[in-house]
Amino acid sequence: MTDIFQTMMNFMHKGGPFMWPLLLCSIVTVTTIVLATMTLRERKVLPLVIESEIERLMPGGSAERLMRIVNDDSSSLAGVVRTALQHLRWPRSENIESVQTRARRELVRLERGLIVLEVVTGIAPLIGLIGTVSGLVHVFSGLGLSTGASDTKAVALGISEALNSTIFGLSVAVPALIAFSYFSKKVEVMSVEMESLVSDLIAKCYYGRPHSGEPLPPSRATAPAAARAPVG
């Protein structure tokens, strides 16, 4: 264990000062991946009890039980469903707009940590490249000051040390890119599933009502007919 730690410290020391920002990027990346893994669990975003209750709900039936469930739940699906149920008195089109607004807010909340992975993916290779260039500048600036047969060996050693920062930068960026792609796709899949469930819920809640969600107005054709009907 001590040998591994010593090897890592030597690697960091040889890479120059730019290795420390890369180390910070690696710590941030690992932390973000762990938090995203905990936050983006499917059953935490889309609780099974809410899915089952939406599927159980009959078209035109009462959603009181579902409302009690989502009131005690803090998941993203619960927030969107709660918005839909609270605005059932609104016309259907306005309710859908309010649900879409809440869904966008929940989507931003789910993607909140992914921007960190995206930033690390972009800056880690650049920091590594800056470290490499800085190391090469030091190597070639001292090349003309040294004499003897050891010049070639010193240059080769200096270049290999300068490339340490590039290796470290890519080693941080590649896992960050993989994690960013995976979690982005996972959020996309869950958002589609959430949209499907809420669309099904709205269709059931507005079943038998006109598209606008308002009560059907009396037909103009029936009123004159009623007026012309003989009395007695």
Protein backbone atom coordinates (compact mmCIF):
# COMPACT_ATOMS: atom_id res chain seq x y z
CA MET A 1 0.00 0.00 0.00
CA THR A 2 2.87 2.37 0.83
CA ASP A 3 4.55 1.58 -2.49
CA ILE A 4 1.39 2.40 -4.42
CA PHE A 5 1.01 5.71 -2.59
CA GLN A 6 4.66 6.55 -3.21
CA THR A 7 4.30 5.74 -6.92
CA MET A 8 1.26 7.99 -7.17
CA MET A 9 3.03 10.84 -5.44
CA ASN A 10 6.02 10.48 -7.77
CA PHE A 11 3.68 10.51 -10.75
CA MET A 12 2.01 13.69 -9.47
CA HIS A 13 5.35 15.36 -8.76
CA LYS A 14 6.78 14.56 -12.20
CA GLY A 15 3.71 15.94 -13.97
CA GLY A 16 4.21 19.44 -12.61
CA PRO A 17 1.83 21.92 -10.94
CA PHE A 18 -1.03 21.24 -13.38
CA MET A 19 -1.47 17.78 -11.91
CA TRP A 20 -3.18 19.23 -8.84
CA PRO A 21 -6.09 20.84 -10.74
CA LEU A 22 -6.49 17.50 -12.51
CA LEU A 23 -6.57 15.73 -9.16
CA LEU A 24 -9.33 18.11 -8.05
CA CYS A 25 -11.24 17.34 -11.28
CA SER A 26 -10.95 13.62 -10.59
CA ILE A 27 -12.31 14.03 -7.05
CA VAL A 28 -15.22 16.14 -8.32
CA THR A 29 -15.94 13.55 -11.04
CA VAL A 30 -16.05 10.63 -8.62
CA THR A 31 -18.25 12.57 -6.19
CA THR A 32 -20.66 13.59 -8.96
CA ILE A 33 -20.91 10.02 -10.27
CA VAL A 34 -21.72 8.68 -6.80
CA LEU A 35 -24.37 11.34 -6.18
CA ALA A 36 -25.92 10.86 -9.63
CA THR A 37 -26.06 7.10 -9.08
CA MET A 38 -28.01 7.65 -5.86
CA THR A 39 -30.26 10.42 -7.23
CA LEU A 40 -31.12 8.88 -10.59
CA ARG A 41 -32.27 5.50 -9.36
CA GLU A 42 -35.35 4.67 -11.40
CA ARG A 43 -37.56 3.75 -8.44
CA LYS A 44 -36.60 6.97 -6.70
CA VAL A 45 -37.60 9.10 -9.70
CA LEU A 46 -40.55 6.93 -10.80
CA PRO A 47 -41.91 5.21 -7.66
CA LEU A 48 -43.64 1.94 -8.39
CA VAL A 49 -46.58 2.75 -6.11
CA ILE A 50 -47.48 5.83 -8.17
CA GLU A 51 -47.11 3.95 -11.46
CA SER A 52 -49.38 1.18 -10.17
CA GLU A 53 -51.99 3.65 -8.95
CA ILE A 54 -52.07 5.46 -12.31
CA GLU A 55 -52.49 2.15 -14.12
CA ARG A 56 -55.23 1.09 -11.64
CA LEU A 57 -57.20 4.30 -12.05
CA MET A 58 -60.29 3.83 -14.19
CA PRO A 59 -61.19 6.41 -16.88
CA GLY A 60 -63.33 9.07 -15.24
CA GLY A 61 -62.71 7.60 -11.78
CA SER A 62 -61.75 9.39 -8.59
CA ALA A 63 -58.07 10.24 -8.11
CA GLU A 64 -58.30 10.98 -4.37
CA ARG A 65 -56.20 7.99 -3.40
CA LEU A 66 -53.53 8.95 -5.94
CA MET A 67 -53.53 12.51 -4.57
CA ARG A 68 -52.90 11.23 -1.05
CA ILE A 69 -49.99 9.14 -2.31
CA VAL A 70 -48.25 11.96 -4.23
CA ASN A 71 -48.73 14.42 -1.36
CA ASP A 72 -46.45 12.26 0.78
CA ASP A 73 -43.87 11.68 -1.95
CA SER A 74 -40.97 13.93 -3.02
CA SER A 75 -40.07 12.19 -6.29
CA SER A 76 -40.12 13.90 -9.68
CA LEU A 77 -43.08 11.83 -10.87
CA ALA A 78 -45.02 12.74 -7.72
CA GLY A 79 -44.41 16.44 -8.33
CA VAL A 80 -45.67 16.30 -11.91
CA VAL A 81 -48.70 14.16 -11.01
CA ARG A 82 -49.53 16.47 -8.11
CA THR A 83 -49.52 19.45 -10.48
CA ALA A 84 -51.86 17.64 -12.86
CA LEU A 85 -54.31 16.68 -10.10
CA GLN A 86 -54.34 20.13 -8.52
CA HIS A 87 -55.42 21.73 -11.80
CA LEU A 88 -58.16 19.34 -12.87
CA ARG A 89 -60.68 22.19 -12.71
CA TRP A 90 -58.71 23.99 -15.39
CA PRO A 91 -59.31 23.39 -19.10
CA ARG A 92 -57.34 20.44 -20.35
CA SER A 93 -54.98 22.51 -22.51
CA GLU A 94 -54.06 24.80 -19.60
CA ASN A 95 -53.52 21.84 -17.31
CA ILE A 96 -51.18 20.27 -19.86
CA GLU A 97 -49.19 23.51 -20.04
CA SER A 98 -48.81 23.62 -16.26
CA VAL A 99 -47.71 19.97 -16.24
CA GLN A 100 -45.15 20.64 -18.97
CA THR A 101 -43.75 23.57 -16.99
CA ARG A 102 -43.40 21.43 -13.87
CA ALA A 103 -41.88 18.59 -15.90
CA ARG A 104 -39.21 20.91 -17.31
CA ARG A 105 -38.35 22.05 -13.79
CA GLU A 106 -38.04 18.44 -12.63
CA LEU A 107 -35.87 17.63 -15.65
CA VAL A 108 -33.52 20.49 -14.81
CA ARG A 109 -33.32 19.20 -11.24
CA LEU A 110 -32.42 15.70 -12.45
CA GLU A 111 -29.73 17.04 -14.79
CA ARG A 112 -28.29 19.41 -12.21
CA GLY A 113 -25.15 17.37 -11.52
CA LEU A 114 -24.54 16.30 -15.11
CA ILE A 115 -23.25 19.74 -16.12
CA VAL A 116 -20.28 19.10 -13.83
CA LEU A 117 -19.36 15.96 -15.76
CA GLU A 118 -19.74 17.83 -19.04
CA VAL A 119 -17.41 20.60 -17.85
CA VAL A 120 -14.81 18.13 -16.58
CA THR A 121 -14.94 16.27 -19.91
CA GLY A 122 -14.03 19.50 -21.67
CA ILE A 123 -11.43 21.02 -19.39
CA ALA A 124 -9.48 17.98 -18.14
CA PRO A 125 -7.75 17.23 -21.48
CA LEU A 126 -7.01 20.95 -21.92
CA ILE A 127 -5.42 21.22 -18.49
CA GLY A 128 -3.38 18.12 -19.29
CA LEU A 129 -2.28 19.66 -22.58
CA ILE A 130 -1.28 22.90 -20.87
CA GLY A 131 0.79 20.87 -18.40
CA THR A 132 2.49 19.05 -21.26
CA VAL A 133 3.31 22.25 -23.12
CA SER A 134 4.59 23.84 -19.93
CA GLY A 135 6.83 20.83 -19.30
CA LEU A 136 8.20 20.90 -22.85
CA VAL A 137 8.97 24.60 -22.53
CA HIS A 138 11.08 23.87 -19.46
CA VAL A 139 12.82 20.98 -21.22
CA PHE A 140 13.79 22.91 -24.32
CA SER A 141 14.64 26.08 -22.43
CA GLY A 142 17.31 24.13 -20.53
CA LEU A 143 18.48 22.18 -23.56
CA GLY A 144 20.98 24.81 -24.68
CA LEU A 145 22.43 25.21 -21.22
CA SER A 146 23.59 21.61 -20.83
CA THR A 147 26.45 19.91 -22.64
CA GLY A 148 27.66 16.38 -22.95
CA ALA A 149 26.34 13.01 -24.10
CA SER A 150 23.58 12.98 -21.49
CA ASP A 151 21.57 15.67 -23.34
CA THR A 152 19.49 13.16 -25.31
CA LYS A 153 18.70 11.16 -22.22
CA ALA A 154 17.71 14.27 -20.27
CA VAL A 155 15.44 15.45 -23.08
CA ALA A 156 13.73 12.06 -23.36
CA LEU A 157 13.23 11.93 -19.60
CA GLY A 158 11.86 15.46 -19.54
CA ILE A 159 9.38 14.75 -22.35
CA SER A 160 8.13 11.59 -20.65
CA GLU A 161 7.60 13.53 -17.47
CA ALA A 162 5.79 16.30 -19.34
CA LEU A 163 3.38 13.76 -20.87
CA ASN A 164 2.24 12.66 -17.41
CA SER A 165 -0.22 15.54 -17.25
CA THR A 166 -1.73 14.55 -20.60
CA ILE A 167 -2.15 10.97 -19.44
CA PHE A 168 -3.78 12.13 -16.22
CA GLY A 169 -6.05 14.58 -18.06
CA LEU A 170 -7.33 11.91 -20.43
CA SER A 171 -7.72 9.46 -17.55
CA VAL A 172 -10.07 11.95 -15.88
CA ALA A 173 -11.95 13.01 -19.03
CA VAL A 174 -12.76 9.53 -20.38
CA PRO A 175 -14.67 8.25 -17.30
CA ALA A 176 -16.41 11.63 -17.01
CA LEU A 177 -17.55 11.40 -20.65
CA ILE A 178 -18.79 7.83 -20.19
CA ALA A 179 -20.69 8.77 -17.02
CA PHE A 180 -22.17 11.88 -18.65
CA SER A 181 -23.42 9.91 -21.66
CA TYR A 182 -24.88 7.15 -19.47
CA PHE A 183 -26.71 9.44 -17.04
CA SER A 184 -27.97 11.73 -19.83
CA LYS A 185 -29.50 8.74 -21.60
CA LYS A 186 -30.97 7.49 -18.35
CA VAL A 187 -32.62 10.86 -17.66
CA GLU A 188 -33.99 10.90 -21.20
CA VAL A 189 -35.51 7.43 -20.84
CA MET A 190 -37.08 8.28 -17.47
CA SER A 191 -38.49 11.56 -18.80
CA VAL A 192 -40.19 9.71 -21.66
CA GLU A 193 -41.64 7.20 -19.19
CA MET A 194 -42.85 10.03 -16.96
CA GLU A 195 -44.47 11.78 -19.92
CA SER A 196 -46.27 8.58 -20.88
CA LEU A 197 -47.62 8.04 -17.36
CA VAL A 198 -48.82 11.62 -16.91
CA SER A 199 -50.43 11.66 -20.37
CA ASP A 200 -52.31 8.49 -19.45
CA LEU A 201 -53.38 10.06 -16.14
CA ILE A 202 -54.70 13.22 -17.81
CA ALA A 203 -56.58 11.18 -20.41
CA LYS A 204 -58.28 9.19 -17.64
CA CYS A 205 -59.09 12.24 -15.52
CA TYR A 206 -60.62 14.14 -18.45
CA TYR A 207 -62.46 11.11 -19.78
CA GLY A 208 -65.97 12.00 -20.95
CA ARG A 209 -65.22 15.72 -20.99
CA PRO A 210 -64.62 17.80 -24.12
CA HIS A 211 -61.06 18.46 -25.17
CA SER A 212 -61.06 21.84 -23.45
CA GLY A 213 -62.08 20.24 -20.16
CA GLU A 214 -65.22 22.40 -19.86
CA PRO A 215 -68.76 20.97 -19.47
CA LEU A 216 -70.64 20.38 -22.68
CA PRO A 217 -72.86 23.39 -23.54
CA PRO A 218 -76.54 22.74 -24.28
CA SER A 219 -77.22 22.05 -27.91
CA ARG A 220 -78.85 24.89 -29.85
CA ALA A 221 -80.91 22.41 -31.81
CA THR A 222 -82.61 20.98 -28.75
CA ALA A 223 -83.75 24.29 -27.25
CA PRO A 224 -86.06 25.35 -30.10
CA ALA A 225 -87.36 21.81 -30.32
CA ALA A 226 -88.24 21.90 -26.64
CA ALA A 227 -89.91 25.27 -27.08
CA ARG A 228 -92.04 23.97 -29.95
CA ALA A 229 -93.13 20.88 -28.05
CA PRO A 230 -96.89 20.99 -27.20
CA VAL A 231 -97.76 21.49 -23.57
CA GLY A 232 -100.25 19.10 -22.00
